[in-house]
PDB file of N, CA and C in Angstrom:
ATOM      1  N   MET A   1     -80.076-208.664-162.335  1.00  0.00           N
ATOM      2  CA  MET A   1     -79.853-207.730-161.247  1.00  0.00           C
ATOM      3  C   MET A   1     -79.913-206.305-161.790  1.00  0.00           C
ATOM      4  N   GLU A   2     -80.644-205.433-161.077  1.00  0.00           N
ATOM      5  CA  GLU A   2     -80.794-204.053-161.511  1.00  0.00           C
ATOM      6  C   GLU A   2     -79.522-203.263-161.259  1.00  0.00           C
ATOM      7  N   SER A   3     -79.257-202.318-162.142  1.00  0.00           N
ATOM      8  CA  SER A   3     -78.091-201.456-161.976  1.00  0.00           C
ATOM      9  C   SER A   3     -78.368-200.461-160.850  1.00  0.00           C
ATOM     10  N   PRO A   4     -77.326-199.900-160.238  1.00  0.00           N
ATOM     11  CA  PRO A   4     -77.535-198.886-159.193  1.00  0.00           C
ATOM     12  C   PRO A   4     -78.354-197.704-159.692  1.00  0.00           C
ATOM     13  N   SER A   5     -78.137-197.309-160.938  1.00  0.00           N
ATOM     14  CA  SER A   5     -78.899-196.199-161.516  1.00  0.00           C
ATOM     15  C   SER A   5     -80.389-196.548-161.584  1.00  0.00           C
ATOM     16  N   SER A   6     -80.691-197.751-162.010  1.00  0.00           N
ATOM     17  CA  SER A   6     -82.077-198.206-162.094  1.00  0.00           C
ATOM     18  C   SER A   6     -82.706-198.291-160.705  1.00  0.00           C
ATOM     19  N   GLN A   7     -81.952-198.768-159.736  1.00  0.00           N
ATOM     20  CA  GLN A   7     -82.452-198.854-158.359  1.00  0.00           C
ATOM     21  C   GLN A   7     -82.761-197.466-157.809  1.00  0.00           C
ATOM     22  N   ARG A   8     -81.894-196.478-158.104  1.00  0.00           N
ATOM     23  CA  ARG A   8     -82.132-195.102-157.637  1.00  0.00           C
ATOM     24  C   ARG A   8     -83.407-194.541-158.240  1.00  0.00           C
ATOM     25  N   LYS A   9     -83.637-194.822-159.536  1.00  0.00           N
ATOM     26  CA  LYS A   9     -84.841-194.327-160.197  1.00  0.00           C
ATOM     27  C   LYS A   9     -86.090-194.923-159.560  1.00  0.00           C
ATOM     28  N   VAL A  10     -86.045-196.202-159.251  1.00  0.00           N
ATOM     29  CA  VAL A  10     -87.186-196.865-158.614  1.00  0.00           C
ATOM     30  C   VAL A  10     -87.425-196.272-157.229  1.00  0.00           C
ATOM     31  N   PHE A  11     -86.350-196.094-156.447  1.00  0.00           N
ATOM     32  CA  PHE A  11     -86.468-195.511-155.105  1.00  0.00           C
ATOM     33  C   PHE A  11     -87.033-194.099-155.184  1.00  0.00           C
ATOM     34  N   SER A  12     -86.551-193.301-156.137  1.00  0.00           N
ATOM     35  CA  SER A  12     -87.043-191.930-156.299  1.00  0.00           C
ATOM     36  C   SER A  12     -88.522-191.913-156.666  1.00  0.00           C
ATOM     37  N   ALA A  13     -88.931-192.794-157.565  1.00  0.00           N
ATOM     38  CA  ALA A  13     -90.343-192.863-157.960  1.00  0.00           C
ATOM     39  C   ALA A  13     -91.217-193.281-156.786  1.00  0.00           C
ATOM     40  N   GLU A  14     -90.750-194.250-155.996  1.00  0.00           N
ATOM     41  CA  GLU A  14     -91.498-194.674-154.809  1.00  0.00           C
ATOM     42  C   GLU A  14     -91.597-193.528-153.803  1.00  0.00           C
ATOM     43  N   ALA A  15     -90.527-192.765-153.652  1.00  0.00           N
ATOM     44  CA  ALA A  15     -90.526-191.626-152.727  1.00  0.00           C
ATOM     45  C   ALA A  15     -91.547-190.580-153.174  1.00  0.00           C
ATOM     46  N   GLU A  16     -91.564-190.257-154.454  1.00  0.00           N
ATOM     47  CA  GLU A  16     -92.527-189.278-154.971  1.00  0.00           C
ATOM     48  C   GLU A  16     -93.961-189.766-154.779  1.00  0.00           C
ATOM     49  N   SER A  17     -94.192-191.042-155.005  1.00  0.00           N
ATOM     50  CA  SER A  17     -95.539-191.601-154.814  1.00  0.00           C
ATOM     51  C   SER A  17     -95.967-191.516-153.358  1.00  0.00           C
ATOM     52  N   LEU A  18     -95.051-191.808-152.440  1.00  0.00           N
ATOM     53  CA  LEU A  18     -95.362-191.706-151.008  1.00  0.00           C
ATOM     54  C   LEU A  18     -95.748-190.285-150.642  1.00  0.00           C
ATOM     55  N   VAL A  19     -94.971-189.311-151.103  1.00  0.00           N
ATOM     56  CA  VAL A  19     -95.256-187.911-150.782  1.00  0.00           C
ATOM     57  C   VAL A  19     -96.598-187.490-151.386  1.00  0.00           C
ATOM     58  N   ALA A  20     -96.868-187.881-152.629  1.00  0.00           N
ATOM     59  CA  ALA A  20     -98.141-187.540-153.270  1.00  0.00           C
ATOM     60  C   ALA A  20     -99.322-188.128-152.499  1.00  0.00           C
ATOM     61  N   ARG A  21     -99.202-189.374-152.070  1.00  0.00           N
ATOM     62  CA  ARG A  21    -100.288-190.003-151.296  1.00  0.00           C
ATOM     63  C   ARG A  21    -100.504-189.296-149.962  1.00  0.00           C
ATOM     64  N   GLU A  22     -99.412-188.952-149.294  1.00  0.00           N
ATOM     65  CA  GLU A  22     -99.524-188.284-148.000  1.00  0.00           C
ATOM     66  C   GLU A  22    -100.140-186.898-148.155  1.00  0.00           C
ATOM     67  N   MET A  23     -99.760-186.197-149.201  1.00  0.00           N
ATOM     68  CA  MET A  23    -100.341-184.871-149.436  1.00  0.00           C
ATOM     69  C   MET A  23    -101.842-184.990-149.710  1.00  0.00           C
ATOM     70  N   ALA A  24    -102.227-185.957-150.535  1.00  0.00           N
ATOM     71  CA  ALA A  24    -103.651-186.167-150.825  1.00  0.00           C
ATOM     72  C   ALA A  24    -104.409-186.505-149.547  1.00  0.00           C
ATOM     73  N   ARG A  25    -103.792-187.308-148.692  1.00  0.00           N
ATOM     74  CA  ARG A  25    -104.423-187.665-147.417  1.00  0.00           C
ATOM     75  C   ARG A  25    -104.645-186.435-146.550  1.00  0.00           C
ATOM     76  N   GLN A  26    -103.789-185.435-146.697  1.00  0.00           N
ATOM     77  CA  GLN A  26    -103.898-184.211-145.910  1.00  0.00           C
ATOM     78  C   GLN A  26    -104.721-183.125-146.610  1.00  0.00           C
ATOM     79  N   GLY A  27    -105.389-183.489-147.693  1.00  0.00           N
ATOM     80  CA  GLY A  27    -106.297-182.551-148.342  1.00  0.00           C
ATOM     81  C   GLY A  27    -105.721-181.766-149.507  1.00  0.00           C
ATOM     82  N   TRP A  28    -104.498-182.054-149.902  1.00  0.00           N
ATOM     83  CA  TRP A  28    -103.903-181.390-151.055  1.00  0.00           C
ATOM     84  C   TRP A  28    -104.371-182.077-152.336  1.00  0.00           C
ATOM     85  N   THR A  29    -104.481-181.314-153.411  1.00  0.00           N
ATOM     86  CA  THR A  29    -104.759-181.870-154.724  1.00  0.00           C
ATOM     87  C   THR A  29    -103.463-181.806-155.522  1.00  0.00           C
ATOM     88  N   VAL A  30    -102.946-182.960-155.892  1.00  0.00           N
ATOM     89  CA  VAL A  30    -101.723-183.004-156.688  1.00  0.00           C
ATOM     90  C   VAL A  30    -102.108-182.712-158.135  1.00  0.00           C
ATOM     91  N   LEU A  31    -101.587-181.602-158.661  1.00  0.00           N
ATOM     92  CA  LEU A  31    -101.928-181.148-160.006  1.00  0.00           C
ATOM     93  C   LEU A  31    -100.981-181.689-161.063  1.00  0.00           C
ATOM     94  N   ALA A  32     -99.738-181.947-160.681  1.00  0.00           N
ATOM     95  CA  ALA A  32     -98.758-182.432-161.658  1.00  0.00           C
ATOM     96  C   ALA A  32     -97.634-183.165-160.953  1.00  0.00           C
ATOM     97  N   ARG A  33     -97.062-184.102-161.677  1.00  0.00           N
ATOM     98  CA  ARG A  33     -95.849-184.798-161.235  1.00  0.00           C
ATOM     99  C   ARG A  33     -94.816-184.645-162.339  1.00  0.00           C
ATOM    100  N   ASN A  34     -93.589-184.342-161.940  1.00  0.00           N
ATOM    101  CA  ASN A  34     -92.468-184.238-162.880  1.00  0.00           C
ATOM    102  C   ASN A  34     -92.717-183.200-163.986  1.00  0.00           C
ATOM    103  N   PHE A  35     -93.221-182.031-163.589  1.00  0.00           N
ATOM    104  CA  PHE A  35     -93.432-180.927-164.522  1.00  0.00           C
ATOM    105  C   PHE A  35     -92.072-180.346-164.890  1.00  0.00           C
ATOM    106  N   ARG A  36     -91.809-180.255-166.195  1.00  0.00           N
ATOM    107  CA  ARG A  36     -90.508-179.780-166.654  1.00  0.00           C
ATOM    108  C   ARG A  36     -90.596-178.380-167.233  1.00  0.00           C
ATOM    109  N   TYR A  37     -89.570-177.573-166.906  1.00  0.00           N
ATOM    110  CA  TYR A  37     -89.463-176.216-167.426  1.00  0.00           C
ATOM    111  C   TYR A  37     -87.987-175.866-167.576  1.00  0.00           C
ATOM    112  N   ILE A  38     -87.523-175.720-168.788  1.00  0.00           N
ATOM    113  CA  ILE A  38     -86.149-175.302-169.113  1.00  0.00           C
ATOM    114  C   ILE A  38     -85.116-175.869-168.134  1.00  0.00           C
ATOM    115  N   GLY A  39     -84.936-177.142-168.165  1.00  0.00           N
ATOM    116  CA  GLY A  39     -83.898-177.767-167.359  1.00  0.00           C
ATOM    117  C   GLY A  39     -84.239-177.954-165.889  1.00  0.00           C
ATOM    118  N   THR A  40     -85.427-177.576-165.494  1.00  0.00           N
ATOM    119  CA  THR A  40     -85.857-177.742-164.104  1.00  0.00           C
ATOM    120  C   THR A  40     -87.062-178.668-164.072  1.00  0.00           C
ATOM    121  N   GLU A  41     -87.078-179.538-163.093  1.00  0.00           N
ATOM    122  CA  GLU A  41     -88.229-180.425-162.925  1.00  0.00           C
ATOM    123  C   GLU A  41     -88.847-180.176-161.559  1.00  0.00           C
ATOM    124  N   LEU A  42     -90.153-179.957-161.558  1.00  0.00           N
ATOM    125  CA  LEU A  42     -90.899-179.870-160.305  1.00  0.00           C
ATOM    126  C   LEU A  42     -91.422-181.268-160.021  1.00  0.00           C
ATOM    127  N   ASP A  43     -90.944-181.878-158.943  1.00  0.00           N
ATOM    128  CA  ASP A  43     -91.342-183.256-158.646  1.00  0.00           C
ATOM    129  C   ASP A  43     -92.853-183.359-158.476  1.00  0.00           C
ATOM    130  N   LEU A  44     -93.414-182.477-157.655  1.00  0.00           N
ATOM    131  CA  LEU A  44     -94.864-182.441-157.434  1.00  0.00           C
ATOM    132  C   LEU A  44     -95.323-180.991-157.407  1.00  0.00           C
ATOM    133  N   VAL A  45     -96.500-180.737-157.957  1.00  0.00           N
ATOM    134  CA  VAL A  45     -97.163-179.441-157.815  1.00  0.00           C
ATOM    135  C   VAL A  45     -98.526-179.742-157.223  1.00  0.00           C
ATOM    136  N   ALA A  46     -98.848-179.065-156.127  1.00  0.00           N
ATOM    137  CA  ALA A  46    -100.104-179.361-155.430  1.00  0.00           C
ATOM    138  C   ALA A  46    -100.770-178.073-154.961  1.00  0.00           C
ATOM    139  N   ARG A  47    -102.087-178.150-154.796  1.00  0.00           N
ATOM    140  CA  ARG A  47    -102.866-176.998-154.335  1.00  0.00           C
ATOM    141  C   ARG A  47    -103.738-177.413-153.155  1.00  0.00           C
ATOM    142  N   LYS A  48    -103.833-176.467-152.222  1.00  0.00           N
ATOM    143  CA  LYS A  48    -104.765-176.603-151.103  1.00  0.00           C
ATOM    144  C   LYS A  48    -105.193-175.189-150.757  1.00  0.00           C
ATOM    145  N   GLY A  49    -106.471-174.912-150.947  1.00  0.00           N
ATOM    146  CA  GLY A  49    -106.952-173.558-150.712  1.00  0.00           C
ATOM    147  C   GLY A  49    -106.257-172.586-151.644  1.00  0.00           C
ATOM    148  N   GLN A  50    -105.704-171.519-151.086  1.00  0.00           N
ATOM    149  CA  GLN A  50    -105.014-170.508-151.878  1.00  0.00           C
ATOM    150  C   GLN A  50    -103.531-170.823-152.083  1.00  0.00           C
ATOM    151  N   SER A  51    -103.040-171.900-151.513  1.00  0.00           N
ATOM    152  CA  SER A  51    -101.616-172.230-151.607  1.00  0.00           C
ATOM    153  C   SER A  51    -101.334-173.161-152.783  1.00  0.00           C
ATOM    154  N   LEU A  52    -100.330-172.793-153.549  1.00  0.00           N
ATOM    155  CA  LEU A  52     -99.845-173.629-154.639  1.00  0.00           C
ATOM    156  C   LEU A  52     -98.382-173.907-154.337  1.00  0.00           C
ATOM    157  N   VAL A  53     -98.034-175.184-154.205  1.00  0.00           N
ATOM    158  CA  VAL A  53     -96.669-175.528-153.811  1.00  0.00           C
ATOM    159  C   VAL A  53     -96.004-176.426-154.845  1.00  0.00           C
ATOM    160  N   ALA A  54     -94.707-176.203-154.981  1.00  0.00           N
ATOM    161  CA  ALA A  54     -93.847-177.130-155.708  1.00  0.00           C
ATOM    162  C   ALA A  54     -93.097-177.889-154.624  1.00  0.00           C
ATOM    163  N   VAL A  55     -93.147-179.191-154.689  1.00  0.00           N
ATOM    164  CA  VAL A  55     -92.488-180.019-153.679  1.00  0.00           C
ATOM    165  C   VAL A  55     -91.285-180.704-154.318  1.00  0.00           C
ATOM    166  N   GLU A  56     -90.131-180.422-153.765  1.00  0.00           N
ATOM    167  CA  GLU A  56     -88.906-181.098-154.178  1.00  0.00           C
ATOM    168  C   GLU A  56     -88.770-182.336-153.295  1.00  0.00           C
ATOM    169  N   VAL A  57     -88.761-183.505-153.910  1.00  0.00           N
ATOM    170  CA  VAL A  57     -88.673-184.760-153.172  1.00  0.00           C
ATOM    171  C   VAL A  57     -87.235-185.269-153.269  1.00  0.00           C
ATOM    172  N   LYS A  58     -86.635-185.500-152.111  1.00  0.00           N
ATOM    173  CA  LYS A  58     -85.273-186.016-152.051  1.00  0.00           C
ATOM    174  C   LYS A  58     -85.311-187.409-151.414  1.00  0.00           C
ATOM    175  N   ALA A  59     -84.920-188.412-152.180  1.00  0.00           N
ATOM    176  CA  ALA A  59     -84.807-189.774-151.658  1.00  0.00           C
ATOM    177  C   ALA A  59     -83.359-189.959-151.211  1.00  0.00           C
ATOM    178  N   ARG A  60     -83.175-190.252-149.946  1.00  0.00           N
ATOM    179  CA  ARG A  60     -81.836-190.356-149.373  1.00  0.00           C
ATOM    180  C   ARG A  60     -81.703-191.637-148.565  1.00  0.00           C
ATOM    181  N   ARG A  61     -80.468-191.994-148.281  1.00  0.00           N
ATOM    182  CA  ARG A  61     -80.207-193.191-147.470  1.00  0.00           C
ATOM    183  C   ARG A  61     -80.416-192.923-145.985  1.00  0.00           C
ATOM    184  N   ARG A  62     -80.221-191.653-145.584  1.00  0.00           N
ATOM    185  CA  ARG A  62     -80.413-191.307-144.176  1.00  0.00           C
ATOM    186  C   ARG A  62     -81.061-189.936-144.080  1.00  0.00           C
ATOM    187  N   MET A  63     -81.741-189.703-142.971  1.00  0.00           N
ATOM    188  CA  MET A  63     -82.417-188.434-142.723  1.00  0.00           C
ATOM    189  C   MET A  63     -81.386-187.400-142.285  1.00  0.00           C
ATOM    190  N   PRO A  64     -81.472-186.167-142.804  1.00  0.00           N
ATOM    191  CA  PRO A  64     -80.565-185.125-142.323  1.00  0.00           C
ATOM    192  C   PRO A  64     -80.711-184.930-140.820  1.00  0.00           C
ATOM    193  N   GLY A  65     -79.598-184.593-140.173  1.00  0.00           N
ATOM    194  CA  GLY A  65     -79.598-184.450-138.726  1.00  0.00           C
ATOM    195  C   GLY A  65     -80.138-183.131-138.229  1.00  0.00           C
ATOM    196  N   SER A  66     -80.281-182.139-139.128  1.00  0.00           N
ATOM    197  CA  SER A  66     -80.757-180.826-138.693  1.00  0.00           C
ATOM    198  C   SER A  66     -81.516-180.148-139.823  1.00  0.00           C
ATOM    199  N   LEU A  67     -82.235-179.096-139.478  1.00  0.00           N
ATOM    200  CA  LEU A  67     -82.943-178.314-140.485  1.00  0.00           C
ATOM    201  C   LEU A  67     -81.940-177.681-141.453  1.00  0.00           C
ATOM    202  N   ALA A  68     -80.826-177.209-140.928  1.00  0.00           N
ATOM    203  CA  ALA A  68     -79.809-176.591-141.781  1.00  0.00           C
ATOM    204  C   ALA A  68     -79.274-177.594-142.800  1.00  0.00           C
ATOM    205  N   GLU A  69     -79.057-178.817-142.358  1.00  0.00           N
ATOM    206  CA  GLU A  69     -78.582-179.855-143.280  1.00  0.00           C
ATOM    207  C   GLU A  69     -79.645-180.150-144.341  1.00  0.00           C
ATOM    208  N   ALA A  70     -80.912-180.191-143.928  1.00  0.00           N
ATOM    209  CA  ALA A  70     -82.004-180.426-144.881  1.00  0.00           C
ATOM    210  C   ALA A  70     -82.084-179.279-145.884  1.00  0.00           C
ATOM    211  N   GLU A  71     -82.002-178.050-145.399  1.00  0.00           N
ATOM    212  CA  GLU A  71     -82.072-176.896-146.293  1.00  0.00           C
ATOM    213  C   GLU A  71     -80.883-176.871-147.249  1.00  0.00           C
ATOM    214  N   GLY A  72     -79.762-177.454-146.836  1.00  0.00           N
ATOM    215  CA  GLY A  72     -78.589-177.533-147.696  1.00  0.00           C
ATOM    216  C   GLY A  72     -78.819-178.384-148.935  1.00  0.00           C
ATOM    217  N   LEU A  73     -79.859-179.206-148.911  1.00  0.00           N
ATOM    218  CA  LEU A  73     -80.197-180.013-150.081  1.00  0.00           C
ATOM    219  C   LEU A  73     -80.798-179.171-151.203  1.00  0.00           C
ATOM    220  N   LEU A  74     -81.183-177.920-150.859  1.00  0.00           N
ATOM    221  CA  LEU A  74     -81.754-177.010-151.854  1.00  0.00           C
ATOM    222  C   LEU A  74     -80.956-175.705-151.889  1.00  0.00           C
ATOM    223  N   PRO A  75     -79.854-175.689-152.604  1.00  0.00           N
ATOM    224  CA  PRO A  75     -79.084-174.442-152.699  1.00  0.00           C
ATOM    225  C   PRO A  75     -79.914-173.339-153.367  1.00  0.00           C
ATOM    226  N   TRP A  76     -79.483-172.101-153.215  1.00  0.00           N
ATOM    227  CA  TRP A  76     -80.291-170.969-153.690  1.00  0.00           C
ATOM    228  C   TRP A  76     -80.564-171.040-155.185  1.00  0.00           C
ATOM    229  N   ARG A  77     -79.642-171.541-155.980  1.00  0.00           N
ATOM    230  CA  ARG A  77     -79.889-171.638-157.426  1.00  0.00           C
ATOM    231  C   ARG A  77     -81.017-172.624-157.731  1.00  0.00           C
ATOM    232  N   LYS A  78     -81.034-173.720-157.008  1.00  0.00           N
ATOM    233  CA  LYS A  78     -82.102-174.708-157.195  1.00  0.00           C
ATOM    234  C   LYS A  78     -83.442-174.109-156.765  1.00  0.00           C
ATOM    235  N   ARG A  79     -83.446-173.394-155.635  1.00  0.00           N
ATOM    236  CA  ARG A  79     -84.695-172.751-155.173  1.00  0.00           C
ATOM    237  C   ARG A  79     -85.212-171.758-156.199  1.00  0.00           C
ATOM    238  N   ALA A  80     -84.286-170.947-156.733  1.00  0.00           N
ATOM    239  CA  ALA A  80     -84.687-169.961-157.740  1.00  0.00           C
ATOM    240  C   ALA A  80     -85.268-170.657-158.968  1.00  0.00           C
ATOM    241  N   ALA A  81     -84.646-171.746-159.400  1.00  0.00           N
ATOM    242  CA  ALA A  81     -85.152-172.499-160.550  1.00  0.00           C
ATOM    243  C   ALA A  81     -86.528-173.083-160.255  1.00  0.00           C
ATOM    244  N   LEU A  82     -86.735-173.565-159.035  1.00  0.00           N
ATOM    245  CA  LEU A  82     -88.045-174.114-158.661  1.00  0.00           C
ATOM    246  C   LEU A  82     -89.113-173.022-158.670  1.00  0.00           C
ATOM    247  N   HIS A  83     -88.771-171.824-158.180  1.00  0.00           N
ATOM    248  CA  HIS A  83     -89.718-170.703-158.213  1.00  0.00           C
ATOM    249  C   HIS A  83     -90.079-170.341-159.653  1.00  0.00           C
ATOM    250  N   ARG A  84     -89.075-170.281-160.534  1.00  0.00           N
ATOM    251  CA  ARG A  84     -89.354-169.979-161.942  1.00  0.00           C
ATOM    252  C   ARG A  84     -90.240-171.070-162.553  1.00  0.00           C
ATOM    253  N   GLY A  85     -89.942-172.312-162.240  1.00  0.00           N
ATOM    254  CA  GLY A  85     -90.754-173.415-162.748  1.00  0.00           C
ATOM    255  C   GLY A  85     -92.190-173.344-162.269  1.00  0.00           C
ATOM    256  N   LEU A  86     -92.380-172.963-161.011  1.00  0.00           N
ATOM    257  CA  LEU A  86     -93.737-172.859-160.466  1.00  0.00           C
ATOM    258  C   LEU A  86     -94.485-171.703-161.125  1.00  0.00           C
ATOM    259  N   GLN A  87     -93.800-170.593-161.366  1.00  0.00           N
ATOM    260  CA  GLN A  87     -94.435-169.474-162.064  1.00  0.00           C
ATOM    261  C   GLN A  87     -94.814-169.866-163.490  1.00  0.00           C
ATOM    262  N   CYS A  88     -93.965-170.626-164.151  1.00  0.00           N
ATOM    263  CA  CYS A  88     -94.274-171.121-165.496  1.00  0.00           C
ATOM    264  C   CYS A  88     -95.488-172.047-165.456  1.00  0.00           C
ATOM    265  N   PHE A  89     -95.542-172.902-164.439  1.00  0.00           N
ATOM    266  CA  PHE A  89     -96.689-173.804-164.289  1.00  0.00           C
ATOM    267  C   PHE A  89     -97.983-172.998-164.221  1.00  0.00           C
ATOM    268  N   VAL A  90     -97.968-171.932-163.439  1.00  0.00           N
ATOM    269  CA  VAL A  90     -99.156-171.080-163.291  1.00  0.00           C
ATOM    270  C   VAL A  90     -99.536-170.474-164.639  1.00  0.00           C
ATOM    271  N   MET A  91     -98.549-169.965-165.369  1.00  0.00           N
ATOM    272  CA  MET A  91     -98.842-169.333-166.666  1.00  0.00           C
ATOM    273  C   MET A  91     -99.376-170.354-167.669  1.00  0.00           C
ATOM    274  N   ARG A  92     -98.775-171.537-167.711  1.00  0.00           N
ATOM    275  CA  ARG A  92     -99.209-172.553-168.682  1.00  0.00           C
ATOM    276  C   ARG A  92    -100.584-173.109-168.357  1.00  0.00           C
ATOM    277  N   ARG A  93    -100.856-173.282-167.080  1.00  0.00           N
ATOM    278  CA  ARG A  93    -102.141-173.865-166.680  1.00  0.00           C
ATOM    279  C   ARG A  93    -103.238-172.823-166.553  1.00  0.00           C
ATOM    280  N   GLY A  94    -102.855-171.543-166.537  1.00  0.00           N
ATOM    281  CA  GLY A  94    -103.849-170.483-166.422  1.00  0.00           C
ATOM    282  C   GLY A  94    -104.597-170.509-165.104  1.00  0.00           C
ATOM    283  N   SER A  95    -103.986-171.081-164.085  1.00  0.00           N
ATOM    284  CA  SER A  95    -104.661-171.149-162.793  1.00  0.00           C
ATOM    285  C   SER A  95    -104.295-169.943-161.937  1.00  0.00           C
ATOM    286  N   ASP A  96    -105.130-169.666-160.963  1.00  0.00           N
ATOM    287  CA  ASP A  96    -104.880-168.586-160.023  1.00  0.00           C
ATOM    288  C   ASP A  96    -103.642-168.936-159.211  1.00  0.00           C
ATOM    289  N   ALA A  97    -102.696-168.015-159.176  1.00  0.00           N
ATOM    290  CA  ALA A  97    -101.441-168.299-158.491  1.00  0.00           C
ATOM    291  C   ALA A  97    -101.638-168.454-156.986  1.00  0.00           C
ATOM    292  N   GLY A  98    -102.377-167.549-156.375  1.00  0.00           N
ATOM    293  CA  GLY A  98    -102.524-167.613-154.922  1.00  0.00           C
ATOM    294  C   GLY A  98    -101.173-167.429-154.259  1.00  0.00           C
ATOM    295  N   ILE A  99    -100.929-168.179-153.219  1.00  0.00           N
ATOM    296  CA  ILE A  99     -99.672-168.128-152.478  1.00  0.00           C
ATOM    297  C   ILE A  99     -98.751-169.206-153.035  1.00  0.00           C
ATOM    298  N   LEU A 100     -97.611-168.798-153.578  1.00  0.00           N
ATOM    299  CA  LEU A 100     -96.653-169.748-154.134  1.00  0.00           C
ATOM    300  C   LEU A 100     -95.625-170.108-153.075  1.00  0.00           C
ATOM    301  N   ARG A 101     -95.277-171.388-153.013  1.00  0.00           N
ATOM    302  CA  ARG A 101     -94.352-171.848-151.978  1.00  0.00           C
ATOM    303  C   ARG A 101     -93.548-173.029-152.500  1.00  0.00           C
ATOM    304  N   ILE A 102     -92.321-173.143-152.004  1.00  0.00           N
ATOM    305  CA  ILE A 102     -91.480-174.290-152.295  1.00  0.00           C
ATOM    306  C   ILE A 102     -91.352-175.106-151.011  1.00  0.00           C
ATOM    307  N   ASP A 103     -91.671-176.386-151.097  1.00  0.00           N
ATOM    308  CA  ASP A 103     -91.555-177.288-149.957  1.00  0.00           C
ATOM    309  C   ASP A 103     -90.527-178.372-150.282  1.00  0.00           C
ATOM    310  N   LEU A 104     -90.030-178.997-149.241  1.00  0.00           N
ATOM    311  CA  LEU A 104     -89.054-180.066-149.377  1.00  0.00           C
ATOM    312  C   LEU A 104     -89.552-181.292-148.621  1.00  0.00           C
ATOM    313  N   ALA A 105     -89.542-182.429-149.285  1.00  0.00           N
ATOM    314  CA  ALA A 105     -89.881-183.699-148.645  1.00  0.00           C
ATOM    315  C   ALA A 105     -88.669-184.616-148.762  1.00  0.00           C
ATOM    316  N   ILE A 106     -88.244-185.151-147.638  1.00  0.00           N
ATOM    317  CA  ILE A 106     -87.112-186.075-147.627  1.00  0.00           C
ATOM    318  C   ILE A 106     -87.647-187.453-147.261  1.00  0.00           C
ATOM    319  N   VAL A 107     -87.304-188.435-148.077  1.00  0.00           N
ATOM    320  CA  VAL A 107     -87.790-189.800-147.872  1.00  0.00           C
ATOM    321  C   VAL A 107     -86.578-190.710-147.710  1.00  0.00           C
ATOM    322  N   VAL A 108     -86.634-191.529-146.662  1.00  0.00           N
ATOM    323  CA  VAL A 108     -85.548-192.475-146.384  1.00  0.00           C
ATOM    324  C   VAL A 108     -86.142-193.855-146.122  1.00  0.00           C
ATOM    325  N   PRO A 109     -85.335-194.903-146.337  1.00  0.00           N
ATOM    326  CA  PRO A 109     -85.802-196.235-145.959  1.00  0.00           C
ATOM    327  C   PRO A 109     -85.894-196.317-144.437  1.00  0.00           C
ATOM    328  N   GLY A 110     -86.977-196.912-143.955  1.00  0.00           N
ATOM    329  CA  GLY A 110     -87.153-197.087-142.515  1.00  0.00           C
ATOM    330  C   GLY A 110     -87.329-198.556-142.172  1.00  0.00           C
ATOM    331  N   ARG A 111     -87.600-198.816-140.936  1.00  0.00           N
ATOM    332  CA  ARG A 111     -87.787-200.213-140.500  1.00  0.00           C
ATOM    333  C   ARG A 111     -89.033-200.845-141.083  1.00  0.00           C
ATOM    334  N   CYS A 112     -90.057-200.024-141.271  1.00  0.00           N
ATOM    335  CA  CYS A 112     -91.338-200.554-141.764  1.00  0.00           C
ATOM    336  C   CYS A 112     -91.707-199.931-143.106  1.00  0.00           C
ATOM    337  N   GLY A 113     -90.751-199.751-143.970  1.00  0.00           N
ATOM    338  CA  GLY A 113     -91.015-199.121-145.264  1.00  0.00           C
ATOM    339  C   GLY A 113     -90.357-197.759-145.332  1.00  0.00           C
ATOM    340  N   LEU A 114     -90.882-196.918-146.204  1.00  0.00           N
ATOM    341  CA  LEU A 114     -90.306-195.592-146.373  1.00  0.00           C
ATOM    342  C   LEU A 114     -90.830-194.636-145.311  1.00  0.00           C
ATOM    343  N   GLU A 115     -89.967-193.726-144.882  1.00  0.00           N
ATOM    344  CA  GLU A 115     -90.340-192.691-143.915  1.00  0.00           C
ATOM    345  C   GLU A 115     -90.116-191.333-144.563  1.00  0.00           C
ATOM    346  N   MET A 116     -90.984-190.373-144.221  1.00  0.00           N
ATOM    347  CA  MET A 116     -90.921-189.058-144.823  1.00  0.00           C
ATOM    348  C   MET A 116     -90.829-187.981-143.758  1.00  0.00           C
ATOM    349  N   ARG A 117     -90.068-186.943-144.090  1.00  0.00           N
ATOM    350  CA  ARG A 117     -90.022-185.726-143.271  1.00  0.00           C
ATOM    351  C   ARG A 117     -90.304-184.567-144.224  1.00  0.00           C
ATOM    352  N   TYR A 118     -91.214-183.682-143.841  1.00  0.00           N
ATOM    353  CA  TYR A 118     -91.707-182.635-144.730  1.00  0.00           C
ATOM    354  C   TYR A 118     -91.365-181.272-144.158  1.00  0.00           C
ATOM    355  N   PHE A 119     -90.810-180.410-145.006  1.00  0.00           N
ATOM    356  CA  PHE A 119     -90.432-179.058-144.606  1.00  0.00           C
ATOM    357  C   PHE A 119     -91.192-178.089-145.503  1.00  0.00           C
ATOM    358  N   ALA A 120     -92.113-177.316-144.950  1.00  0.00           N
ATOM    359  CA  ALA A 120     -92.895-176.354-145.718  1.00  0.00           C
ATOM    360  C   ALA A 120     -92.167-175.018-145.798  1.00  0.00           C
ATOM    361  N   GLY A 121     -92.191-174.424-146.973  1.00  0.00           N
ATOM    362  CA  GLY A 121     -91.648-173.080-147.142  1.00  0.00           C
ATOM    363  C   GLY A 121     -90.161-172.953-146.936  1.00  0.00           C
ATOM    364  N   VAL A 122     -89.392-173.852-147.518  1.00  0.00           N
ATOM    365  CA  VAL A 122     -87.928-173.776-147.330  1.00  0.00           C
ATOM    366  C   VAL A 122     -87.294-172.750-148.249  1.00  0.00           C
TER     367      VAL A 122
END
C-alpha cells in the first residue's frame, strides 16, 4: 500500500501532465516542467506567441468555491518567487521574454477522471 505522501506525489504528477496536455491542445508549447530556481519550482513553463507563462499547478481534493479562494492558493510571496523564477528561466534559456505571466491551474478528482480549472494572469 502506498503512503499518503507517495499518493500525493502521484496525484500531483498526474495533475501536471493533464495541464500540460491541455495547454498543448490549445496551442501552447510546454518548454519546461519542474524548473527549479533558488528554492522555487515552476511547475510548467509554456509559450504561445509573445506570451511566456509559468503555470502553478495545484492538485486539490475539491475545487475552490470562488476566484478569491483560488487566488488565496498563491500568496504574494509565492507569486513574487514565481516571477523571479520565470525571469531566471528567460535569462538561462536566452529566449525572448515577451509578455511574462503567472497562471494557476487547479486540478481535482472528478466523476470521470481529473477536472481542471485554469486562471490566467493571477
